[in-house]
Amino acid sequence: MTDTAYTPLTLERMRADLARVLHEDPAAIDPDDDLVDLGLDSMRAMALMLEWSSGDVEYQFSDFAAFSTLAEWWEVVSRRQAARLADS
């Protein structure tokens, strides 16, 4: 049985949220761009992790620290969400 209240994080939302904190247009952020080169610092990254976490799936800075692109971050999120859905 799945939880209908669960709303998964999407790549589009991640891109939009990154664009917001970086003061960029979402279309300007390529999934393979280095986020540090775009201006993302650890404080803003941690704020995004908190924003993206829910009671269903929690994200921590350490989950993403070894990765520098949106594509890599999306892989982390996809795996965590798949595991969450498999457990429900």
PDB file of N, CA and C in Angstrom:
ATOM      1  N   MET A   1       0.845  -1.181   0.000  1.00  0.00           N
ATOM      2  CA  MET A   1       0.000   0.000   0.000  1.00  0.00           C
ATOM      3  C   MET A   1       0.891   1.245   0.000  1.00  0.00           C
ATOM      4  N   THR A   2       0.608   2.178  -0.881  1.00  0.00           N
ATOM      5  CA  THR A   2       1.415   3.392  -0.950  1.00  0.00           C
ATOM      6  C   THR A   2       0.726   4.532  -0.232  1.00  0.00           C
ATOM      7  N   ASP A   3       1.514   5.463   0.234  1.00  0.00           N
ATOM      8  CA  ASP A   3       1.019   6.632   0.943  1.00  0.00           C
ATOM      9  C   ASP A   3       0.703   7.721  -0.074  1.00  0.00           C
ATOM     10  N   THR A   4      -0.568   8.063  -0.225  1.00  0.00           N
ATOM     11  CA  THR A   4      -0.949   9.048  -1.229  1.00  0.00           C
ATOM     12  C   THR A   4      -0.531  10.457  -0.836  1.00  0.00           C
ATOM     13  N   ALA A   5      -0.192  10.686   0.432  1.00  0.00           N
ATOM     14  CA  ALA A   5       0.233  12.014   0.869  1.00  0.00           C
ATOM     15  C   ALA A   5       1.692  12.298   0.502  1.00  0.00           C
ATOM     16  N   TYR A   6       2.422  11.282   0.136  1.00  0.00           N
ATOM     17  CA  TYR A   6       3.831  11.453  -0.194  1.00  0.00           C
ATOM     18  C   TYR A   6       3.974  12.120  -1.565  1.00  0.00           C
ATOM     19  N   THR A   7       4.725  13.204  -1.620  1.00  0.00           N
ATOM     20  CA  THR A   7       4.995  13.900  -2.875  1.00  0.00           C
ATOM     21  C   THR A   7       6.494  13.833  -3.127  1.00  0.00           C
ATOM     22  N   PRO A   8       6.913  13.055  -4.092  1.00  0.00           N
ATOM     23  CA  PRO A   8       8.353  12.926  -4.335  1.00  0.00           C
ATOM     24  C   PRO A   8       8.970  14.215  -4.859  1.00  0.00           C
ATOM     25  N   LEU A   9      10.223  14.380  -4.538  1.00  0.00           N
ATOM     26  CA  LEU A   9      11.013  15.487  -5.058  1.00  0.00           C
ATOM     27  C   LEU A   9      11.298  15.197  -6.528  1.00  0.00           C
ATOM     28  N   THR A  10      11.200  16.221  -7.366  1.00  0.00           N
ATOM     29  CA  THR A  10      11.442  16.037  -8.794  1.00  0.00           C
ATOM     30  C   THR A  10      12.722  16.758  -9.209  1.00  0.00           C
ATOM     31  N   LEU A  11      13.270  16.334 -10.320  1.00  0.00           N
ATOM     32  CA  LEU A  11      14.435  17.005 -10.886  1.00  0.00           C
ATOM     33  C   LEU A  11      14.108  18.459 -11.205  1.00  0.00           C
ATOM     34  N   GLU A  12      12.910  18.699 -11.709  1.00  0.00           N
ATOM     35  CA  GLU A  12      12.507  20.058 -12.048  1.00  0.00           C
ATOM     36  C   GLU A  12      12.453  20.951 -10.816  1.00  0.00           C
ATOM     37  N   ARG A  13      11.939  20.415  -9.707  1.00  0.00           N
ATOM     38  CA  ARG A  13      11.903  21.208  -8.477  1.00  0.00           C
ATOM     39  C   ARG A  13      13.316  21.465  -7.970  1.00  0.00           C
ATOM     40  N   MET A  14      14.162  20.456  -8.020  1.00  0.00           N
ATOM     41  CA  MET A  14      15.543  20.645  -7.577  1.00  0.00           C
ATOM     42  C   MET A  14      16.215  21.748  -8.395  1.00  0.00           C
ATOM     43  N   ARG A  15      16.040  21.709  -9.709  1.00  0.00           N
ATOM     44  CA  ARG A  15      16.631  22.725 -10.586  1.00  0.00           C
ATOM     45  C   ARG A  15      16.073  24.111 -10.251  1.00  0.00           C
ATOM     46  N   ALA A  16      14.767  24.197 -10.061  1.00  0.00           N
ATOM     47  CA  ALA A  16      14.144  25.484  -9.739  1.00  0.00           C
ATOM     48  C   ALA A  16      14.628  26.015  -8.391  1.00  0.00           C
ATOM     49  N   ASP A  17      14.749  25.146  -7.409  1.00  0.00           N
ATOM     50  CA  ASP A  17      15.220  25.568  -6.092  1.00  0.00           C
ATOM     51  C   ASP A  17      16.682  26.012  -6.141  1.00  0.00           C
ATOM     52  N   LEU A  18      17.497  25.272  -6.872  1.00  0.00           N
ATOM     53  CA  LEU A  18      18.890  25.685  -7.047  1.00  0.00           C
ATOM     54  C   LEU A  18      18.965  27.040  -7.745  1.00  0.00           C
ATOM     55  N   ALA A  19      18.177  27.213  -8.774  1.00  0.00           N
ATOM     56  CA  ALA A  19      18.171  28.487  -9.503  1.00  0.00           C
ATOM     57  C   ALA A  19      17.772  29.633  -8.581  1.00  0.00           C
ATOM     58  N   ARG A  20      16.800  29.385  -7.719  1.00  0.00           N
ATOM     59  CA  ARG A  20      16.340  30.424  -6.794  1.00  0.00           C
ATOM     60  C   ARG A  20      17.464  30.857  -5.855  1.00  0.00           C
ATOM     61  N   VAL A  21      18.170  29.899  -5.252  1.00  0.00           N
ATOM     62  CA  VAL A  21      19.222  30.274  -4.300  1.00  0.00           C
ATOM     63  C   VAL A  21      20.461  30.832  -5.000  1.00  0.00           C
ATOM     64  N   LEU A  22      20.634  30.493  -6.277  1.00  0.00           N
ATOM     65  CA  LEU A  22      21.777  30.999  -7.039  1.00  0.00           C
ATOM     66  C   LEU A  22      21.432  32.261  -7.839  1.00  0.00           C
ATOM     67  N   HIS A  23      20.176  32.677  -7.779  1.00  0.00           N
ATOM     68  CA  HIS A  23      19.708  33.850  -8.525  1.00  0.00           C
ATOM     69  C   HIS A  23      19.963  33.677 -10.026  1.00  0.00           C
ATOM     70  N   GLU A  24      19.588  32.508 -10.511  1.00  0.00           N
ATOM     71  CA  GLU A  24      19.741  32.157 -11.921  1.00  0.00           C
ATOM     72  C   GLU A  24      18.392  31.746 -12.495  1.00  0.00           C
ATOM     73  N   ASP A  25      18.319  31.703 -13.799  1.00  0.00           N
ATOM     74  CA  ASP A  25      17.164  31.137 -14.490  1.00  0.00           C
ATOM     75  C   ASP A  25      17.323  29.610 -14.449  1.00  0.00           C
ATOM     76  N   PRO A  26      16.262  28.876 -14.130  1.00  0.00           N
ATOM     77  CA  PRO A  26      16.394  27.408 -14.098  1.00  0.00           C
ATOM     78  C   PRO A  26      16.957  26.825 -15.394  1.00  0.00           C
ATOM     79  N   ALA A  27      16.603  27.418 -16.531  1.00  0.00           N
ATOM     80  CA  ALA A  27      17.097  26.918 -17.818  1.00  0.00           C
ATOM     81  C   ALA A  27      18.607  27.081 -17.956  1.00  0.00           C
ATOM     82  N   ALA A  28      19.192  27.962 -17.153  1.00  0.00           N
ATOM     83  CA  ALA A  28      20.636  28.195 -17.217  1.00  0.00           C
ATOM     84  C   ALA A  28      21.437  27.139 -16.460  1.00  0.00           C
ATOM     85  N   ILE A  29      20.752  26.282 -15.713  1.00  0.00           N
ATOM     86  CA  ILE A  29      21.442  25.257 -14.928  1.00  0.00           C
ATOM     87  C   ILE A  29      21.348  23.926 -15.653  1.00  0.00           C
ATOM     88  N   ASP A  30      22.470  23.504 -16.207  1.00  0.00           N
ATOM     89  CA  ASP A  30      22.555  22.216 -16.878  1.00  0.00           C
ATOM     90  C   ASP A  30      22.782  21.146 -15.818  1.00  0.00           C
ATOM     91  N   PRO A  31      22.186  19.970 -15.964  1.00  0.00           N
ATOM     92  CA  PRO A  31      22.384  18.924 -14.969  1.00  0.00           C
ATOM     93  C   PRO A  31      23.856  18.554 -14.738  1.00  0.00           C
ATOM     94  N   ASP A  32      24.715  18.804 -15.713  1.00  0.00           N
ATOM     95  CA  ASP A  32      26.121  18.452 -15.569  1.00  0.00           C
ATOM     96  C   ASP A  32      27.014  19.623 -15.162  1.00  0.00           C
ATOM     97  N   ASP A  33      26.424  20.788 -14.916  1.00  0.00           N
ATOM     98  CA  ASP A  33      27.201  21.930 -14.434  1.00  0.00           C
ATOM     99  C   ASP A  33      27.686  21.665 -13.013  1.00  0.00           C
ATOM    100  N   ASP A  34      28.887  22.117 -12.715  1.00  0.00           N
ATOM    101  CA  ASP A  34      29.413  22.034 -11.357  1.00  0.00           C
ATOM    102  C   ASP A  34      28.715  23.110 -10.531  1.00  0.00           C
ATOM    103  N   LEU A  35      28.020  22.692  -9.489  1.00  0.00           N
ATOM    104  CA  LEU A  35      27.218  23.625  -8.704  1.00  0.00           C
ATOM    105  C   LEU A  35      28.080  24.621  -7.926  1.00  0.00           C
ATOM    106  N   VAL A  36      29.264  24.229  -7.518  1.00  0.00           N
ATOM    107  CA  VAL A  36      30.170  25.157  -6.836  1.00  0.00           C
ATOM    108  C   VAL A  36      30.616  26.241  -7.808  1.00  0.00           C
ATOM    109  N   ASP A  37      30.907  25.845  -9.050  1.00  0.00           N
ATOM    110  CA  ASP A  37      31.278  26.834 -10.062  1.00  0.00           C
ATOM    111  C   ASP A  37      30.146  27.818 -10.330  1.00  0.00           C
ATOM    112  N   LEU A  38      28.901  27.376 -10.123  1.00  0.00           N
ATOM    113  CA  LEU A  38      27.747  28.250 -10.311  1.00  0.00           C
ATOM    114  C   LEU A  38      27.521  29.160  -9.103  1.00  0.00           C
ATOM    115  N   GLY A  39      28.241  28.893  -8.007  1.00  0.00           N
ATOM    116  CA  GLY A  39      28.134  29.746  -6.829  1.00  0.00           C
ATOM    117  C   GLY A  39      27.481  29.111  -5.620  1.00  0.00           C
ATOM    118  N   LEU A  40      27.179  27.819  -5.678  1.00  0.00           N
ATOM    119  CA  LEU A  40      26.558  27.166  -4.527  1.00  0.00           C
ATOM    120  C   LEU A  40      27.598  26.951  -3.437  1.00  0.00           C
ATOM    121  N   ASP A  41      27.286  27.412  -2.237  1.00  0.00           N
ATOM    122  CA  ASP A  41      28.170  27.175  -1.101  1.00  0.00           C
ATOM    123  C   ASP A  41      27.500  26.193  -0.137  1.00  0.00           C
ATOM    124  N   SER A  42      28.241  25.766   0.863  1.00  0.00           N
ATOM    125  CA  SER A  42      27.742  24.730   1.774  1.00  0.00           C
ATOM    126  C   SER A  42      26.525  25.195   2.566  1.00  0.00           C
ATOM    127  N   MET A  43      26.457  26.449   2.937  1.00  0.00           N
ATOM    128  CA  MET A  43      25.310  26.935   3.703  1.00  0.00           C
ATOM    129  C   MET A  43      24.021  26.861   2.879  1.00  0.00           C
ATOM    130  N   ARG A  44      24.099  27.281   1.640  1.00  0.00           N
ATOM    131  CA  ARG A  44      22.907  27.206   0.784  1.00  0.00           C
ATOM    132  C   ARG A  44      22.559  25.759   0.461  1.00  0.00           C
ATOM    133  N   ALA A  45      23.578  24.934   0.292  1.00  0.00           N
ATOM    134  CA  ALA A  45      23.321  23.514   0.032  1.00  0.00           C
ATOM    135  C   ALA A  45      22.608  22.872   1.220  1.00  0.00           C
ATOM    136  N   MET A  46      23.079  23.173   2.435  1.00  0.00           N
ATOM    137  CA  MET A  46      22.425  22.615   3.624  1.00  0.00           C
ATOM    138  C   MET A  46      20.989  23.115   3.753  1.00  0.00           C
ATOM    139  N   ALA A  47      20.751  24.372   3.417  1.00  0.00           N
ATOM    140  CA  ALA A  47      19.387  24.901   3.462  1.00  0.00           C
ATOM    141  C   ALA A  47      18.485  24.157   2.477  1.00  0.00           C
ATOM    142  N   LEU A  48      19.008  23.845   1.297  1.00  0.00           N
ATOM    143  CA  LEU A  48      18.231  23.073   0.322  1.00  0.00           C
ATOM    144  C   LEU A  48      17.928  21.671   0.842  1.00  0.00           C
ATOM    145  N   MET A  49      18.900  21.042   1.480  1.00  0.00           N
ATOM    146  CA  MET A  49      18.674  19.694   2.027  1.00  0.00           C
ATOM    147  C   MET A  49      17.524  19.710   3.032  1.00  0.00           C
ATOM    148  N   LEU A  50      17.508  20.716   3.883  1.00  0.00           N
ATOM    149  CA  LEU A  50      16.422  20.834   4.854  1.00  0.00           C
ATOM    150  C   LEU A  50      15.086  21.069   4.162  1.00  0.00           C
ATOM    151  N   GLU A  51      15.098  21.907   3.150  1.00  0.00           N
ATOM    152  CA  GLU A  51      13.877  22.211   2.404  1.00  0.00           C
ATOM    153  C   GLU A  51      13.350  20.966   1.690  1.00  0.00           C
ATOM    154  N   TRP A  52      14.254  20.167   1.147  1.00  0.00           N
ATOM    155  CA  TRP A  52      13.847  18.982   0.394  1.00  0.00           C
ATOM    156  C   TRP A  52      13.468  17.806   1.285  1.00  0.00           C
ATOM    157  N   SER A  53      13.881  17.829   2.521  1.00  0.00           N
ATOM    158  CA  SER A  53      13.565  16.733   3.435  1.00  0.00           C
ATOM    159  C   SER A  53      12.109  16.830   3.869  1.00  0.00           C
ATOM    160  N   SER A  54      11.538  15.669   4.048  1.00  0.00           N
ATOM    161  CA  SER A  54      10.174  15.590   4.561  1.00  0.00           C
ATOM    162  C   SER A  54      10.157  14.488   5.600  1.00  0.00           C
ATOM    163  N   GLY A  55       9.028  14.257   6.187  1.00  0.00           N
ATOM    164  CA  GLY A  55       8.918  13.151   7.128  1.00  0.00           C
ATOM    165  C   GLY A  55       9.132  11.809   6.457  1.00  0.00           C
ATOM    166  N   ASP A  56       8.984  11.788   5.133  1.00  0.00           N
ATOM    167  CA  ASP A  56       9.102  10.544   4.386  1.00  0.00           C
ATOM    168  C   ASP A  56      10.536  10.234   3.967  1.00  0.00           C
ATOM    169  N   VAL A  57      11.234  11.244   3.492  1.00  0.00           N
ATOM    170  CA  VAL A  57      12.615  11.062   3.035  1.00  0.00           C
ATOM    171  C   VAL A  57      13.436  12.222   3.577  1.00  0.00           C
ATOM    172  N   GLU A  58      14.471  11.896   4.329  1.00  0.00           N
ATOM    173  CA  GLU A  58      15.349  12.917   4.884  1.00  0.00           C
ATOM    174  C   GLU A  58      16.641  12.963   4.070  1.00  0.00           C
ATOM    175  N   TYR A  59      17.095  14.163   3.793  1.00  0.00           N
ATOM    176  CA  TYR A  59      18.361  14.347   3.098  1.00  0.00           C
ATOM    177  C   TYR A  59      19.299  15.134   4.003  1.00  0.00           C
ATOM    178  N   GLN A  60      20.556  14.769   3.969  1.00  0.00           N
ATOM    179  CA  GLN A  60      21.571  15.454   4.759  1.00  0.00           C
ATOM    180  C   GLN A  60      22.663  15.929   3.811  1.00  0.00           C
ATOM    181  N   PHE A  61      23.345  16.964   4.228  1.00  0.00           N
ATOM    182  CA  PHE A  61      24.434  17.498   3.422  1.00  0.00           C
ATOM    183  C   PHE A  61      25.433  16.406   3.069  1.00  0.00           C
ATOM    184  N   SER A  62      25.711  15.526   4.004  1.00  0.00           N
ATOM    185  CA  SER A  62      26.693  14.459   3.757  1.00  0.00           C
ATOM    186  C   SER A  62      26.264  13.514   2.639  1.00  0.00           C
ATOM    187  N   ASP A  63      24.959  13.413   2.369  1.00  0.00           N
ATOM    188  CA  ASP A  63      24.467  12.572   1.271  1.00  0.00           C
ATOM    189  C   ASP A  63      24.916  13.108  -0.087  1.00  0.00           C
ATOM    190  N   PHE A  64      25.138  14.426  -0.156  1.00  0.00           N
ATOM    191  CA  PHE A  64      25.410  15.100  -1.416  1.00  0.00           C
ATOM    192  C   PHE A  64      26.833  15.650  -1.517  1.00  0.00           C
ATOM    193  N   ALA A  65      27.552  15.705  -0.409  1.00  0.00           N
ATOM    194  CA  ALA A  65      28.839  16.407  -0.351  1.00  0.00           C
ATOM    195  C   ALA A  65      29.872  15.897  -1.354  1.00  0.00           C
ATOM    196  N   ALA A  66      29.851  14.629  -1.663  1.00  0.00           N
ATOM    197  CA  ALA A  66      30.840  14.058  -2.579  1.00  0.00           C
ATOM    198  C   ALA A  66      30.504  14.313  -4.048  1.00  0.00           C
ATOM    199  N   PHE A  67      29.347  14.921  -4.294  1.00  0.00           N
ATOM    200  CA  PHE A  67      28.878  15.119  -5.659  1.00  0.00           C
ATOM    201  C   PHE A  67      28.765  16.603  -5.973  1.00  0.00           C
ATOM    202  N   SER A  68      29.036  16.964  -7.210  1.00  0.00           N
ATOM    203  CA  SER A  68      29.080  18.394  -7.538  1.00  0.00           C
ATOM    204  C   SER A  68      28.102  18.832  -8.620  1.00  0.00           C
ATOM    205  N   THR A  69      27.312  17.924  -9.152  1.00  0.00           N
ATOM    206  CA  THR A  69      26.387  18.310 -10.216  1.00  0.00           C
ATOM    207  C   THR A  69      24.944  17.967  -9.841  1.00  0.00           C
ATOM    208  N   LEU A  70      24.022  18.654 -10.471  1.00  0.00           N
ATOM    209  CA  LEU A  70      22.606  18.360 -10.274  1.00  0.00           C
ATOM    210  C   LEU A  70      22.295  16.926 -10.696  1.00  0.00           C
ATOM    211  N   ALA A  71      22.899  16.453 -11.770  1.00  0.00           N
ATOM    212  CA  ALA A  71      22.664  15.072 -12.225  1.00  0.00           C
ATOM    213  C   ALA A  71      23.058  14.066 -11.142  1.00  0.00           C
ATOM    214  N   GLU A  72      24.192  14.306 -10.494  1.00  0.00           N
ATOM    215  CA  GLU A  72      24.630  13.406  -9.418  1.00  0.00           C
ATOM    216  C   GLU A  72      23.709  13.507  -8.210  1.00  0.00           C
ATOM    217  N   TRP A  73      23.294  14.725  -7.887  1.00  0.00           N
ATOM    218  CA  TRP A  73      22.366  14.904  -6.775  1.00  0.00           C
ATOM    219  C   TRP A  73      21.049  14.199  -7.072  1.00  0.00           C
ATOM    220  N   TRP A  74      20.597  14.282  -8.312  1.00  0.00           N
ATOM    221  CA  TRP A  74      19.341  13.626  -8.690  1.00  0.00           C
ATOM    222  C   TRP A  74      19.459  12.112  -8.519  1.00  0.00           C
ATOM    223  N   GLU A  75      20.617  11.542  -8.811  1.00  0.00           N
ATOM    224  CA  GLU A  75      20.817  10.101  -8.601  1.00  0.00           C
ATOM    225  C   GLU A  75      20.650   9.735  -7.129  1.00  0.00           C
ATOM    226  N   VAL A  76      21.198  10.557  -6.243  1.00  0.00           N
ATOM    227  CA  VAL A  76      21.044  10.329  -4.799  1.00  0.00           C
ATOM    228  C   VAL A  76      19.563  10.368  -4.422  1.00  0.00           C
ATOM    229  N   VAL A  77      18.873  11.392  -4.869  1.00  0.00           N
ATOM    230  CA  VAL A  77      17.456  11.555  -4.553  1.00  0.00           C
ATOM    231  C   VAL A  77      16.643  10.405  -5.127  1.00  0.00           C
ATOM    232  N   SER A  78      16.898  10.037  -6.366  1.00  0.00           N
ATOM    233  CA  SER A  78      16.160   8.942  -7.011  1.00  0.00           C
ATOM    234  C   SER A  78      16.299   7.639  -6.235  1.00  0.00           C
ATOM    235  N   ARG A  79      17.525   7.343  -5.828  1.00  0.00           N
ATOM    236  CA  ARG A  79      17.748   6.105  -5.050  1.00  0.00           C
ATOM    237  C   ARG A  79      17.018   6.149  -3.714  1.00  0.00           C
ATOM    238  N   ARG A  80      17.098   7.273  -3.014  1.00  0.00           N
ATOM    239  CA  ARG A  80      16.446   7.395  -1.703  1.00  0.00           C
ATOM    240  C   ARG A  80      14.931   7.289  -1.844  1.00  0.00           C
ATOM    241  N   GLN A  81      14.377   7.936  -2.874  1.00  0.00           N
ATOM    242  CA  GLN A  81      12.928   7.882  -3.071  1.00  0.00           C
ATOM    243  C   GLN A  81      12.474   6.479  -3.470  1.00  0.00           C
ATOM    244  N   ALA A  82      13.250   5.807  -4.294  1.00  0.00           N
ATOM    245  CA  ALA A  82      12.911   4.439  -4.698  1.00  0.00           C
ATOM    246  C   ALA A  82      12.916   3.524  -3.473  1.00  0.00           C
ATOM    247  N   ALA A  83      13.900   3.704  -2.606  1.00  0.00           N
ATOM    248  CA  ALA A  83      13.975   2.894  -1.383  1.00  0.00           C
ATOM    249  C   ALA A  83      12.775   3.185  -0.478  1.00  0.00           C
ATOM    250  N   ARG A  84      12.380   4.444  -0.404  1.00  0.00           N
ATOM    251  CA  ARG A  84      11.228   4.819   0.416  1.00  0.00           C
ATOM    252  C   ARG A  84       9.959   4.172  -0.121  1.00  0.00           C
ATOM    253  N   LEU A  85       9.787   4.206  -1.438  1.00  0.00           N
ATOM    254  CA  LEU A  85       8.577   3.610  -2.030  1.00  0.00           C
ATOM    255  C   LEU A  85       8.578   2.093  -1.883  1.00  0.00           C
ATOM    256  N   ALA A  86       9.747   1.480  -1.948  1.00  0.00           N
ATOM    257  CA  ALA A  86       9.841   0.030  -1.784  1.00  0.00           C
ATOM    258  C   ALA A  86       9.484  -0.393  -0.355  1.00  0.00           C
ATOM    259  N   ASP A  87       9.734   0.495   0.602  1.00  0.00           N
ATOM    260  CA  ASP A  87       9.448   0.193   2.001  1.00  0.00           C
ATOM    261  C   ASP A  87       7.984   0.422   2.378  1.00  0.00           C
ATOM    262  N   SER A  88       7.218   1.093   1.488  1.00  0.00           N
ATOM    263  CA  SER A  88       5.830   1.394   1.855  1.00  0.00           C
ATOM    264  C   SER A  88       4.875   0.327   1.396  1.00  0.00           C
TER     265      SER A  88
END
